[in-house]
Amino acid sequence: MENGTYPPYSNLTMFVNIGIYRYPAFVLCLLLYAVIISANLVIILEISQEKTLHKPMYILIMCLSINSLYGSAGFFFRFLRDLLSDTHLIPRSACFIQIYVIYTYASYELTLLAIMAYDRYVAVCQPLHYHSKMTSKMISKLVAFAWILPIFTVGACVYLAGRLPLCGNKIPKVFCANWPVVKLSCISTVLNNLVGMLMTTTSVILPLAFVLDTYICIFLICWKNSLEFKSKVIQSCMPHIVTFVNFSISLFCDIALSRIDVEIINPFLGVFLSLEFVLIPPILNPFVYGLKLPEIRKCLSRRFLCSKPVRIENITQCLK
């Protein structure tokens, strides 16, 4: 192997030179990462400690928060360092590790959202069978499937990309991604393209199609029922819909950015579209579920009241 064919470093070229403003940008991003960690940890700890929230939907919400911490860690550790650096070279091994972490994060997210859609489908369309179908054992199997499948699909893509001899080292993003690396290959990438299509089908297209199908069924059921029933369904499903739409748009922006020539678009717009995929979902999800779902909001409010100085009204609230 020669360094010219297998370059030891990749150059992330989408970083914009902002001079001394890099330091305020670093502080802002560090605070943003702290908010992501804090908000998702609150959701995880609240659901894990509150026995009334040990139900399928809330267990899946907790898994989403765990995945948000996993994905944001794979991005922020390197990104914060690059913000303060004059050069944006990342070692070859670290680049492929980052690809693996970010792509498995995306695959986990979509698969979990598909499982959550199925949970809402059974709750709305088959309410009498909900407790017999959505058992703790079934949830464990579905979550295990969501975590295991991407290990092989994403792992295969990263392994094949790592074997390619490259004719360059410039990656037009602020983090490493599979397709920009594959495009640098000096040889045919037919096998990579086939495996990539398989991964996209199993990790993106099928979960998206499944979620859309479940909500079509839910919509048809709501159409035939009363306004009160529709209101309850909307209240129950709206956080999941917001999360799903937000992540789908973020994912689409990232995929589109990888397929176009980034030099023809505004550099700040390119950076924003690139960051949206790894920034917006982890910070939005805990606030959507923490503020929208009454059960979680009630538990958080009760815990907040109990943490205040002892008062008669606080004791009454805590005992409820």
C-alpha atoms as a PDB file:
ATOM      1  CA  MET A   1       0.000   0.000   0.000  1.00  0.00           C
ATOM      2  CA  GLU A   2       1.228   3.461  -0.873  1.00  0.00           C
ATOM      3  CA  ASN A   3       0.197   6.672   0.828  1.00  0.00           C
ATOM      4  CA  GLY A   4      -0.797   8.133  -2.543  1.00  0.00           C
ATOM      5  CA  THR A   5      -3.385   5.371  -3.032  1.00  0.00           C
ATOM      6  CA  TYR A   6      -4.460   4.989   0.594  1.00  0.00           C
ATOM      7  CA  PRO A   7      -4.052   8.513   2.018  1.00  0.00           C
ATOM      8  CA  PRO A   8      -3.525   8.452   5.804  1.00  0.00           C
ATOM      9  CA  TYR A   9      -5.652  11.589   6.263  1.00  0.00           C
ATOM     10  CA  SER A  10      -8.893  12.957   4.830  1.00  0.00           C
ATOM     11  CA  ASN A  11      -9.457  16.689   4.404  1.00  0.00           C
ATOM     12  CA  LEU A  12     -12.889  18.019   5.433  1.00  0.00           C
ATOM     13  CA  THR A  13     -13.230  20.931   3.023  1.00  0.00           C
ATOM     14  CA  MET A  14     -16.610  22.389   3.975  1.00  0.00           C
ATOM     15  CA  PHE A  15     -15.311  24.240   7.026  1.00  0.00           C
ATOM     16  CA  VAL A  16     -15.634  27.976   6.396  1.00  0.00           C
ATOM     17  CA  ASN A  17     -12.820  30.270   7.524  1.00  0.00           C
ATOM     18  CA  ILE A  18     -14.515  32.560  10.073  1.00  0.00           C
ATOM     19  CA  GLY A  19     -11.327  33.892  11.663  1.00  0.00           C
ATOM     20  CA  ILE A  20     -11.651  34.977  15.294  1.00  0.00           C
ATOM     21  CA  TYR A  21     -15.361  34.135  15.233  1.00  0.00           C
ATOM     22  CA  ARG A  22     -14.368  30.496  15.574  1.00  0.00           C
ATOM     23  CA  TYR A  23     -14.169  30.976  19.363  1.00  0.00           C
ATOM     24  CA  PRO A  24     -17.752  32.235  19.830  1.00  0.00           C
ATOM     25  CA  ALA A  25     -18.844  29.486  17.411  1.00  0.00           C
ATOM     26  CA  PHE A  26     -17.012  26.913  19.545  1.00  0.00           C
ATOM     27  CA  VAL A  27     -18.676  28.157  22.749  1.00  0.00           C
ATOM     28  CA  LEU A  28     -22.101  28.168  21.077  1.00  0.00           C
ATOM     29  CA  CYS A  29     -21.683  24.617  19.756  1.00  0.00           C
ATOM     30  CA  LEU A  30     -20.334  23.426  23.116  1.00  0.00           C
ATOM     31  CA  LEU A  31     -23.407  24.868  24.864  1.00  0.00           C
ATOM     32  CA  LEU A  32     -25.632  23.254  22.244  1.00  0.00           C
ATOM     33  CA  TYR A  33     -23.984  19.891  22.876  1.00  0.00           C
ATOM     34  CA  ALA A  34     -24.441  20.383  26.634  1.00  0.00           C
ATOM     35  CA  VAL A  35     -28.161  21.031  26.065  1.00  0.00           C
ATOM     36  CA  ILE A  36     -28.421  17.874  23.933  1.00  0.00           C
ATOM     37  CA  ILE A  37     -26.756  15.788  26.637  1.00  0.00           C
ATOM     38  CA  SER A  38     -28.803  17.313  29.468  1.00  0.00           C
ATOM     39  CA  ALA A  39     -32.194  17.136  27.746  1.00  0.00           C
ATOM     40  CA  ASN A  40     -31.769  13.533  26.597  1.00  0.00           C
ATOM     41  CA  LEU A  41     -30.386  12.425  29.976  1.00  0.00           C
ATOM     42  CA  VAL A  42     -33.452  13.917  31.674  1.00  0.00           C
ATOM     43  CA  ILE A  43     -35.727  11.847  29.424  1.00  0.00           C
ATOM     44  CA  ILE A  44     -33.654   8.682  29.942  1.00  0.00           C
ATOM     45  CA  LEU A  45     -33.483   9.023  33.731  1.00  0.00           C
ATOM     46  CA  GLU A  46     -37.139   9.995  34.094  1.00  0.00           C
ATOM     47  CA  ILE A  47     -38.421   7.030  32.066  1.00  0.00           C
ATOM     48  CA  SER A  48     -36.010   4.543  33.659  1.00  0.00           C
ATOM     49  CA  GLN A  49     -36.835   5.629  37.232  1.00  0.00           C
ATOM     50  CA  GLU A  50     -40.586   6.262  36.910  1.00  0.00           C
ATOM     51  CA  LYS A  51     -42.424   2.924  36.997  1.00  0.00           C
ATOM     52  CA  THR A  52     -45.596   4.409  35.508  1.00  0.00           C
ATOM     53  CA  LEU A  53     -43.599   5.124  32.340  1.00  0.00           C
ATOM     54  CA  HIS A  54     -42.408   1.547  31.892  1.00  0.00           C
ATOM     55  CA  LYS A  55     -44.655   1.124  28.857  1.00  0.00           C
ATOM     56  CA  PRO A  56     -43.777   0.315  25.227  1.00  0.00           C
ATOM     57  CA  MET A  57     -44.053   3.872  23.849  1.00  0.00           C
ATOM     58  CA  TYR A  58     -41.918   5.388  26.609  1.00  0.00           C
ATOM     59  CA  ILE A  59     -39.295   2.651  26.400  1.00  0.00           C
ATOM     60  CA  LEU A  60     -38.966   3.463  22.702  1.00  0.00           C
ATOM     61  CA  ILE A  61     -38.703   7.185  23.503  1.00  0.00           C
ATOM     62  CA  MET A  62     -35.886   6.365  25.913  1.00  0.00           C
ATOM     63  CA  CYS A  63     -34.157   4.381  23.142  1.00  0.00           C
ATOM     64  CA  LEU A  64     -34.443   7.434  20.871  1.00  0.00           C
ATOM     65  CA  SER A  65     -32.725   9.567  23.509  1.00  0.00           C
ATOM     66  CA  ILE A  66     -29.958   6.991  23.945  1.00  0.00           C
ATOM     67  CA  ASN A  67     -29.465   6.991  20.180  1.00  0.00           C
ATOM     68  CA  SER A  68     -29.338  10.801  20.153  1.00  0.00           C
ATOM     69  CA  LEU A  69     -26.497  10.737  22.688  1.00  0.00           C
ATOM     70  CA  TYR A  70     -24.708   8.094  20.600  1.00  0.00           C
ATOM     71  CA  GLY A  71     -25.023   9.975  17.313  1.00  0.00           C
ATOM     72  CA  SER A  72     -24.177  13.417  18.693  1.00  0.00           C
ATOM     73  CA  ALA A  73     -21.075  12.018  20.425  1.00  0.00           C
ATOM     74  CA  GLY A  74     -19.883  10.600  17.104  1.00  0.00           C
ATOM     75  CA  PHE A  75     -20.141  14.066  15.583  1.00  0.00           C
ATOM     76  CA  PHE A  76     -19.429  16.673  18.251  1.00  0.00           C
ATOM     77  CA  PHE A  77     -16.136  15.367  19.662  1.00  0.00           C
ATOM     78  CA  ARG A  78     -14.410  15.788  16.310  1.00  0.00           C
ATOM     79  CA  PHE A  79     -16.400  18.832  15.173  1.00  0.00           C
ATOM     80  CA  LEU A  80     -15.551  20.909  18.261  1.00  0.00           C
ATOM     81  CA  ARG A  81     -11.881  20.149  17.775  1.00  0.00           C
ATOM     82  CA  ASP A  82     -12.013  21.102  14.094  1.00  0.00           C
ATOM     83  CA  LEU A  83     -13.694  24.429  14.897  1.00  0.00           C
ATOM     84  CA  LEU A  84     -10.558  25.605  16.690  1.00  0.00           C
ATOM     85  CA  SER A  85      -8.113  24.098  14.204  1.00  0.00           C
ATOM     86  CA  ASP A  86      -6.529  25.790  11.189  1.00  0.00           C
ATOM     87  CA  THR A  87      -6.420  22.474   9.333  1.00  0.00           C
ATOM     88  CA  HIS A  88      -9.231  19.942   9.134  1.00  0.00           C
ATOM     89  CA  LEU A  89      -7.397  16.695   8.513  1.00  0.00           C
ATOM     90  CA  ILE A  90      -8.875  13.576  10.072  1.00  0.00           C
ATOM     91  CA  PRO A  91      -6.969  10.240  10.259  1.00  0.00           C
ATOM     92  CA  ARG A  92      -8.225   7.539   7.927  1.00  0.00           C
ATOM     93  CA  SER A  93      -9.244   5.186  10.752  1.00  0.00           C
ATOM     94  CA  ALA A  94     -11.048   7.976  12.659  1.00  0.00           C
ATOM     95  CA  CYS A  95     -12.882   8.958   9.481  1.00  0.00           C
ATOM     96  CA  PHE A  96     -14.291   5.468   8.946  1.00  0.00           C
ATOM     97  CA  ILE A  97     -15.207   5.164  12.629  1.00  0.00           C
ATOM     98  CA  GLN A  98     -17.150   8.420  12.336  1.00  0.00           C
ATOM     99  CA  ILE A  99     -18.891   7.148   9.188  1.00  0.00           C
ATOM    100  CA  TYR A 100     -19.907   3.994  11.032  1.00  0.00           C
ATOM    101  CA  VAL A 101     -21.207   5.839  14.110  1.00  0.00           C
ATOM    102  CA  ILE A 102     -23.197   8.481  12.198  1.00  0.00           C
ATOM    103  CA  TYR A 103     -24.695   6.013   9.702  1.00  0.00           C
ATOM    104  CA  THR A 104     -25.700   3.519  12.403  1.00  0.00           C
ATOM    105  CA  TYR A 105     -27.207   6.433  14.343  1.00  0.00           C
ATOM    106  CA  ALA A 106     -29.356   7.327  11.323  1.00  0.00           C
ATOM    107  CA  SER A 107     -30.365   3.719  10.750  1.00  0.00           C
ATOM    108  CA  TYR A 108     -31.227   3.171  14.431  1.00  0.00           C
ATOM    109  CA  GLU A 109     -33.327   6.348  14.414  1.00  0.00           C
ATOM    110  CA  LEU A 110     -35.426   5.375  11.407  1.00  0.00           C
ATOM    111  CA  THR A 111     -35.919   1.792  12.604  1.00  0.00           C
ATOM    112  CA  LEU A 112     -36.992   2.990  16.061  1.00  0.00           C
ATOM    113  CA  LEU A 113     -39.402   5.469  14.482  1.00  0.00           C
ATOM    114  CA  ALA A 114     -40.874   2.617  12.426  1.00  0.00           C
ATOM    115  CA  ILE A 115     -41.364   0.533  15.590  1.00  0.00           C
ATOM    116  CA  MET A 116     -43.002   3.523  17.295  1.00  0.00           C
ATOM    117  CA  ALA A 117     -45.342   3.893  14.316  1.00  0.00           C
ATOM    118  CA  TYR A 118     -46.326   0.239  14.694  1.00  0.00           C
ATOM    119  CA  ASP A 119     -46.969   0.842  18.404  1.00  0.00           C
ATOM    120  CA  ARG A 120     -49.308   3.756  17.544  1.00  0.00           C
ATOM    121  CA  TYR A 121     -50.996   1.652  14.834  1.00  0.00           C
ATOM    122  CA  VAL A 122     -51.807  -1.169  17.267  1.00  0.00           C
ATOM    123  CA  ALA A 123     -52.949   1.318  19.943  1.00  0.00           C
ATOM    124  CA  VAL A 124     -55.343   3.087  17.539  1.00  0.00           C
ATOM    125  CA  CYS A 125     -56.452   0.370  15.118  1.00  0.00           C
ATOM    126  CA  GLN A 126     -56.330  -2.710  17.384  1.00  0.00           C
ATOM    127  CA  PRO A 127     -56.763  -1.346  20.931  1.00  0.00           C
ATOM    128  CA  LEU A 128     -58.190  -4.591  22.331  1.00  0.00           C
ATOM    129  CA  HIS A 129     -55.068  -6.487  21.257  1.00  0.00           C
ATOM    130  CA  TYR A 130     -52.547  -3.831  22.331  1.00  0.00           C
ATOM    131  CA  HIS A 131     -51.462  -5.415  25.614  1.00  0.00           C
ATOM    132  CA  SER A 132     -51.242  -8.890  24.072  1.00  0.00           C
ATOM    133  CA  LYS A 133     -49.184  -7.702  21.089  1.00  0.00           C
ATOM    134  CA  MET A 134     -46.981  -4.963  22.568  1.00  0.00           C
ATOM    135  CA  THR A 135     -45.549  -6.994  25.435  1.00  0.00           C
ATOM    136  CA  SER A 136     -42.188  -6.281  27.052  1.00  0.00           C
ATOM    137  CA  LYS A 137     -40.812  -9.369  25.327  1.00  0.00           C
ATOM    138  CA  MET A 138     -41.974  -8.126  21.913  1.00  0.00           C
ATOM    139  CA  ILE A 139     -40.514  -4.664  22.538  1.00  0.00           C
ATOM    140  CA  SER A 140     -37.195  -6.237  23.531  1.00  0.00           C
ATOM    141  CA  LYS A 141     -37.113  -8.243  20.308  1.00  0.00           C
ATOM    142  CA  LEU A 142     -37.987  -5.230  18.143  1.00  0.00           C
ATOM    143  CA  VAL A 143     -35.396  -2.988  19.817  1.00  0.00           C
ATOM    144  CA  ALA A 144     -32.759  -5.723  19.499  1.00  0.00           C
ATOM    145  CA  PHE A 145     -33.598  -6.000  15.799  1.00  0.00           C
ATOM    146  CA  ALA A 146     -33.310  -2.211  15.434  1.00  0.00           C
ATOM    147  CA  TRP A 147     -29.823  -2.269  16.967  1.00  0.00           C
ATOM    148  CA  ILE A 148     -28.463  -5.429  15.323  1.00  0.00           C
ATOM    149  CA  LEU A 149     -29.513  -4.955  11.672  1.00  0.00           C
ATOM    150  CA  PRO A 150     -27.523  -1.715  11.082  1.00  0.00           C
ATOM    151  CA  ILE A 151     -24.390  -3.313  12.519  1.00  0.00           C
ATOM    152  CA  PHE A 152     -24.223  -5.585   9.477  1.00  0.00           C
ATOM    153  CA  THR A 153     -25.623  -3.290   6.766  1.00  0.00           C
ATOM    154  CA  VAL A 154     -23.597  -0.206   7.719  1.00  0.00           C
ATOM    155  CA  GLY A 155     -20.603  -2.341   8.661  1.00  0.00           C
ATOM    156  CA  ALA A 156     -20.558  -3.888   5.172  1.00  0.00           C
ATOM    157  CA  CYS A 157     -20.628  -0.445   3.514  1.00  0.00           C
ATOM    158  CA  VAL A 158     -17.830   0.913   5.700  1.00  0.00           C
ATOM    159  CA  TYR A 159     -15.719  -2.212   5.195  1.00  0.00           C
ATOM    160  CA  LEU A 160     -16.021  -2.034   1.400  1.00  0.00           C
ATOM    161  CA  ALA A 161     -15.291   1.712   1.373  1.00  0.00           C
ATOM    162  CA  GLY A 162     -12.215   1.131   3.522  1.00  0.00           C
ATOM    163  CA  ARG A 163     -10.783  -1.275   0.926  1.00  0.00           C
ATOM    164  CA  LEU A 164     -10.988   1.218  -1.940  1.00  0.00           C
ATOM    165  CA  PRO A 165      -7.801   2.865  -3.218  1.00  0.00           C
ATOM    166  CA  LEU A 166      -8.459   6.617  -3.371  1.00  0.00           C
ATOM    167  CA  CYS A 167      -7.328   9.208  -5.891  1.00  0.00           C
ATOM    168  CA  GLY A 168      -7.772  12.090  -3.462  1.00  0.00           C
ATOM    169  CA  ASN A 169      -8.537  12.923   0.138  1.00  0.00           C
ATOM    170  CA  LYS A 170     -10.947  15.884  -0.031  1.00  0.00           C
ATOM    171  CA  ILE A 171     -14.367  15.285   1.516  1.00  0.00           C
ATOM    172  CA  PRO A 172     -16.794  18.212   0.928  1.00  0.00           C
ATOM    173  CA  LYS A 173     -18.507  17.966   4.336  1.00  0.00           C
ATOM    174  CA  VAL A 174     -17.889  18.875   7.973  1.00  0.00           C
ATOM    175  CA  PHE A 175     -17.873  15.198   8.928  1.00  0.00           C
ATOM    176  CA  CYS A 176     -16.903  11.985   7.164  1.00  0.00           C
ATOM    177  CA  ALA A 177     -19.548  10.331   5.000  1.00  0.00           C
ATOM    178  CA  ASN A 178     -19.563   7.164   2.928  1.00  0.00           C
ATOM    179  CA  TRP A 179     -20.610   8.415  -0.505  1.00  0.00           C
ATOM    180  CA  PRO A 180     -18.022  11.263  -0.759  1.00  0.00           C
ATOM    181  CA  VAL A 181     -15.321   8.716   0.107  1.00  0.00           C
ATOM    182  CA  VAL A 182     -16.572   6.218  -2.479  1.00  0.00           C
ATOM    183  CA  LYS A 183     -16.558   8.953  -5.156  1.00  0.00           C
ATOM    184  CA  LEU A 184     -12.799   9.360  -4.588  1.00  0.00           C
ATOM    185  CA  SER A 185     -12.141   5.752  -5.607  1.00  0.00           C
ATOM    186  CA  CYS A 186      -9.620   5.015  -8.357  1.00  0.00           C
ATOM    187  CA  ILE A 187     -11.361   1.746  -9.286  1.00  0.00           C
ATOM    188  CA  SER A 188     -14.874   0.538 -10.058  1.00  0.00           C
ATOM    189  CA  THR A 189     -17.360   0.876  -7.196  1.00  0.00           C
ATOM    190  CA  VAL A 190     -20.109  -1.401  -8.536  1.00  0.00           C
ATOM    191  CA  LEU A 191     -20.061  -3.630  -5.437  1.00  0.00           C
ATOM    192  CA  ASN A 192     -20.096  -0.602  -3.137  1.00  0.00           C
ATOM    193  CA  ASN A 193     -23.071   0.819  -5.032  1.00  0.00           C
ATOM    194  CA  LEU A 194     -25.009  -2.450  -4.786  1.00  0.00           C
ATOM    195  CA  VAL A 195     -24.357  -2.825  -1.056  1.00  0.00           C
ATOM    196  CA  GLY A 196     -25.145   0.863  -0.571  1.00  0.00           C
ATOM    197  CA  MET A 197     -28.478   0.434  -2.353  1.00  0.00           C
ATOM    198  CA  LEU A 198     -29.239  -2.575  -0.149  1.00  0.00           C
ATOM    199  CA  MET A 199     -28.414  -0.559   2.971  1.00  0.00           C
ATOM    200  CA  THR A 200     -30.522   2.379   1.782  1.00  0.00           C
ATOM    201  CA  THR A 201     -33.447   0.062   1.058  1.00  0.00           C
ATOM    202  CA  THR A 202     -33.367  -1.751   4.404  1.00  0.00           C
ATOM    203  CA  SER A 203     -32.395   1.235   6.580  1.00  0.00           C
ATOM    204  CA  VAL A 204     -34.208   4.135   4.895  1.00  0.00           C
ATOM    205  CA  ILE A 205     -36.804   3.225   2.252  1.00  0.00           C
ATOM    206  CA  LEU A 206     -38.507   0.333   4.070  1.00  0.00           C
ATOM    207  CA  PRO A 207     -38.847   2.158   7.442  1.00  0.00           C
ATOM    208  CA  LEU A 208     -40.134   5.293   5.690  1.00  0.00           C
ATOM    209  CA  ALA A 209     -42.665   3.282   3.662  1.00  0.00           C
ATOM    210  CA  PHE A 210     -43.765   1.364   6.761  1.00  0.00           C
ATOM    211  CA  VAL A 211     -44.347   4.567   8.764  1.00  0.00           C
ATOM    212  CA  LEU A 212     -46.345   6.119   5.926  1.00  0.00           C
ATOM    213  CA  ASP A 213     -48.433   2.953   5.570  1.00  0.00           C
ATOM    214  CA  THR A 214     -49.248   2.826   9.290  1.00  0.00           C
ATOM    215  CA  TYR A 215     -50.349   6.467   9.324  1.00  0.00           C
ATOM    216  CA  ILE A 216     -52.562   5.922   6.290  1.00  0.00           C
ATOM    217  CA  CYS A 217     -54.301   3.171   8.258  1.00  0.00           C
ATOM    218  CA  ILE A 218     -54.560   5.411  11.334  1.00  0.00           C
ATOM    219  CA  PHE A 219     -55.978   8.226   9.196  1.00  0.00           C
ATOM    220  CA  LEU A 220     -58.640   5.928   7.728  1.00  0.00           C
ATOM    221  CA  ILE A 221     -59.673   4.794  11.213  1.00  0.00           C
ATOM    222  CA  CYS A 222     -59.870   8.405  12.451  1.00  0.00           C
ATOM    223  CA  TRP A 223     -61.944   9.402   9.422  1.00  0.00           C
ATOM    224  CA  LYS A 224     -64.737   7.064  10.541  1.00  0.00           C
ATOM    225  CA  ASN A 225     -64.786   8.103  14.202  1.00  0.00           C
ATOM    226  CA  SER A 226     -65.843  11.060  16.344  1.00  0.00           C
ATOM    227  CA  LEU A 227     -64.026  14.359  16.869  1.00  0.00           C
ATOM    228  CA  GLU A 228     -63.168  13.345  20.419  1.00  0.00           C
ATOM    229  CA  PHE A 229     -61.507  10.167  19.152  1.00  0.00           C
ATOM    230  CA  LYS A 230     -59.601  12.144  16.514  1.00  0.00           C
ATOM    231  CA  SER A 231     -58.418  14.617  19.148  1.00  0.00           C
ATOM    232  CA  LYS A 232     -57.043  11.834  21.365  1.00  0.00           C
ATOM    233  CA  VAL A 233     -55.277  10.175  18.430  1.00  0.00           C
ATOM    234  CA  ILE A 234     -53.706  13.460  17.318  1.00  0.00           C
ATOM    235  CA  GLN A 235     -52.490  14.174  20.863  1.00  0.00           C
ATOM    236  CA  SER A 236     -50.972  10.693  21.061  1.00  0.00           C
ATOM    237  CA  CYS A 237     -49.391  10.632  17.597  1.00  0.00           C
ATOM    238  CA  MET A 238     -48.321  14.251  17.082  1.00  0.00           C
ATOM    239  CA  PRO A 239     -44.914  13.999  18.867  1.00  0.00           C
ATOM    240  CA  HIS A 240     -44.020  10.971  16.755  1.00  0.00           C
ATOM    241  CA  ILE A 241     -45.176  12.694  13.553  1.00  0.00           C
ATOM    242  CA  VAL A 242     -43.095  15.796  14.362  1.00  0.00           C
ATOM    243  CA  THR A 243     -40.038  13.661  15.110  1.00  0.00           C
ATOM    244  CA  PHE A 244     -40.492  11.559  11.992  1.00  0.00           C
ATOM    245  CA  VAL A 245     -41.009  14.524   9.638  1.00  0.00           C
ATOM    246  CA  ASN A 246     -38.087  16.423  11.164  1.00  0.00           C
ATOM    247  CA  PHE A 247     -35.686  13.507  10.831  1.00  0.00           C
ATOM    248  CA  SER A 248     -36.882  12.670   7.315  1.00  0.00           C
ATOM    249  CA  ILE A 249     -36.269  16.240   6.135  1.00  0.00           C
ATOM    250  CA  SER A 250     -32.840  16.307   7.810  1.00  0.00           C
ATOM    251  CA  LEU A 251     -31.919  12.988   6.226  1.00  0.00           C
ATOM    252  CA  PHE A 252     -33.111  14.110   2.797  1.00  0.00           C
ATOM    253  CA  CYS A 253     -31.006  17.301   3.044  1.00  0.00           C
ATOM    254  CA  ASP A 254     -27.914  15.278   3.924  1.00  0.00           C
ATOM    255  CA  ILE A 255     -28.444  12.785   1.090  1.00  0.00           C
ATOM    256  CA  ALA A 256     -29.098  15.594  -1.408  1.00  0.00           C
ATOM    257  CA  LEU A 257     -25.984  17.446  -0.242  1.00  0.00           C
ATOM    258  CA  SER A 258     -23.866  14.336  -0.862  1.00  0.00           C
ATOM    259  CA  ARG A 259     -25.176  14.039  -4.447  1.00  0.00           C
ATOM    260  CA  ILE A 260     -24.642  17.635  -5.646  1.00  0.00           C
ATOM    261  CA  ASP A 261     -21.601  19.800  -6.235  1.00  0.00           C
ATOM    262  CA  VAL A 262     -21.336  21.798  -3.003  1.00  0.00           C
ATOM    263  CA  GLU A 263     -19.212  24.438  -4.717  1.00  0.00           C
ATOM    264  CA  ILE A 264     -22.280  25.765  -6.560  1.00  0.00           C
ATOM    265  CA  ILE A 265     -24.184  26.586  -3.359  1.00  0.00           C
ATOM    266  CA  ASN A 266     -23.571  29.153  -0.632  1.00  0.00           C
ATOM    267  CA  PRO A 267     -20.938  27.736   1.780  1.00  0.00           C
ATOM    268  CA  PHE A 268     -22.924  28.730   4.877  1.00  0.00           C
ATOM    269  CA  LEU A 269     -26.046  27.064   3.447  1.00  0.00           C
ATOM    270  CA  GLY A 270     -23.994  23.950   2.728  1.00  0.00           C
ATOM    271  CA  VAL A 271     -22.696  23.867   6.315  1.00  0.00           C
ATOM    272  CA  PHE A 272     -26.214  24.350   7.704  1.00  0.00           C
ATOM    273  CA  LEU A 273     -27.674  21.537   5.575  1.00  0.00           C
ATOM    274  CA  SER A 274     -24.788  19.299   6.582  1.00  0.00           C
ATOM    275  CA  LEU A 275     -25.214  20.061  10.282  1.00  0.00           C
ATOM    276  CA  GLU A 276     -29.011  19.757  10.311  1.00  0.00           C
ATOM    277  CA  PHE A 277     -28.837  15.973  10.066  1.00  0.00           C
ATOM    278  CA  VAL A 278     -26.769  15.548  13.256  1.00  0.00           C
ATOM    279  CA  LEU A 279     -27.900  18.617  15.232  1.00  0.00           C
ATOM    280  CA  ILE A 280     -31.651  19.168  14.960  1.00  0.00           C
ATOM    281  CA  PRO A 281     -33.091  15.692  15.772  1.00  0.00           C
ATOM    282  CA  PRO A 282     -31.028  15.110  18.968  1.00  0.00           C
ATOM    283  CA  ILE A 283     -31.996  18.506  20.391  1.00  0.00           C
ATOM    284  CA  LEU A 284     -35.613  18.549  19.183  1.00  0.00           C
ATOM    285  CA  ASN A 285     -36.699  15.024  20.194  1.00  0.00           C
ATOM    286  CA  PRO A 286     -36.469  15.349  24.004  1.00  0.00           C
ATOM    287  CA  PHE A 287     -38.303  18.680  23.974  1.00  0.00           C
ATOM    288  CA  VAL A 288     -41.043  17.354  21.675  1.00  0.00           C
ATOM    289  CA  TYR A 289     -41.696  14.326  23.887  1.00  0.00           C
ATOM    290  CA  GLY A 290     -41.032  16.101  27.182  1.00  0.00           C
ATOM    291  CA  LEU A 291     -43.452  18.948  26.434  1.00  0.00           C
ATOM    292  CA  LYS A 292     -46.092  17.242  24.276  1.00  0.00           C
ATOM    293  CA  LEU A 293     -46.789  13.930  26.005  1.00  0.00           C
ATOM    294  CA  PRO A 294     -48.825  14.637  29.169  1.00  0.00           C
ATOM    295  CA  GLU A 295     -47.518  11.601  31.078  1.00  0.00           C
ATOM    296  CA  ILE A 296     -43.872  12.643  30.749  1.00  0.00           C
ATOM    297  CA  ARG A 297     -44.731  16.301  31.338  1.00  0.00           C
ATOM    298  CA  LYS A 298     -46.657  15.396  34.481  1.00  0.00           C
ATOM    299  CA  CYS A 299     -43.788  13.298  35.865  1.00  0.00           C
ATOM    300  CA  LEU A 300     -41.248  16.017  35.135  1.00  0.00           C
ATOM    301  CA  SER A 301     -43.475  18.644  36.771  1.00  0.00           C
ATOM    302  CA  ARG A 302     -43.975  16.491  39.860  1.00  0.00           C
ATOM    303  CA  ARG A 303     -40.240  15.857  40.162  1.00  0.00           C
ATOM    304  CA  PHE A 304     -39.559  19.585  39.799  1.00  0.00           C
ATOM    305  CA  LEU A 305     -42.077  20.401  42.537  1.00  0.00           C
ATOM    306  CA  CYS A 306     -40.586  17.801  44.846  1.00  0.00           C
ATOM    307  CA  SER A 307     -37.115  19.299  44.365  1.00  0.00           C
ATOM    308  CA  LYS A 308     -38.282  22.697  45.712  1.00  0.00           C
ATOM    309  CA  PRO A 309     -38.109  23.721  49.411  1.00  0.00           C
ATOM    310  CA  VAL A 310     -40.689  21.852  51.468  1.00  0.00           C
ATOM    311  CA  ARG A 311     -44.134  23.439  51.391  1.00  0.00           C
ATOM    312  CA  ILE A 312     -47.570  22.027  52.114  1.00  0.00           C
ATOM    313  CA  GLU A 313     -48.738  22.411  48.485  1.00  0.00           C
ATOM    314  CA  ASN A 314     -45.530  20.735  47.217  1.00  0.00           C
ATOM    315  CA  ILE A 315     -46.027  17.770  49.550  1.00  0.00           C
ATOM    316  CA  THR A 316     -49.599  17.390  48.295  1.00  0.00           C
ATOM    317  CA  GLN A 317     -48.398  17.372  44.664  1.00  0.00           C
ATOM    318  CA  CYS A 318     -45.624  14.854  45.400  1.00  0.00           C
ATOM    319  CA  LEU A 319     -48.041  12.425  47.037  1.00  0.00           C
ATOM    320  CA  LYS A 320     -50.359  12.388  44.049  1.00  0.00           C
END
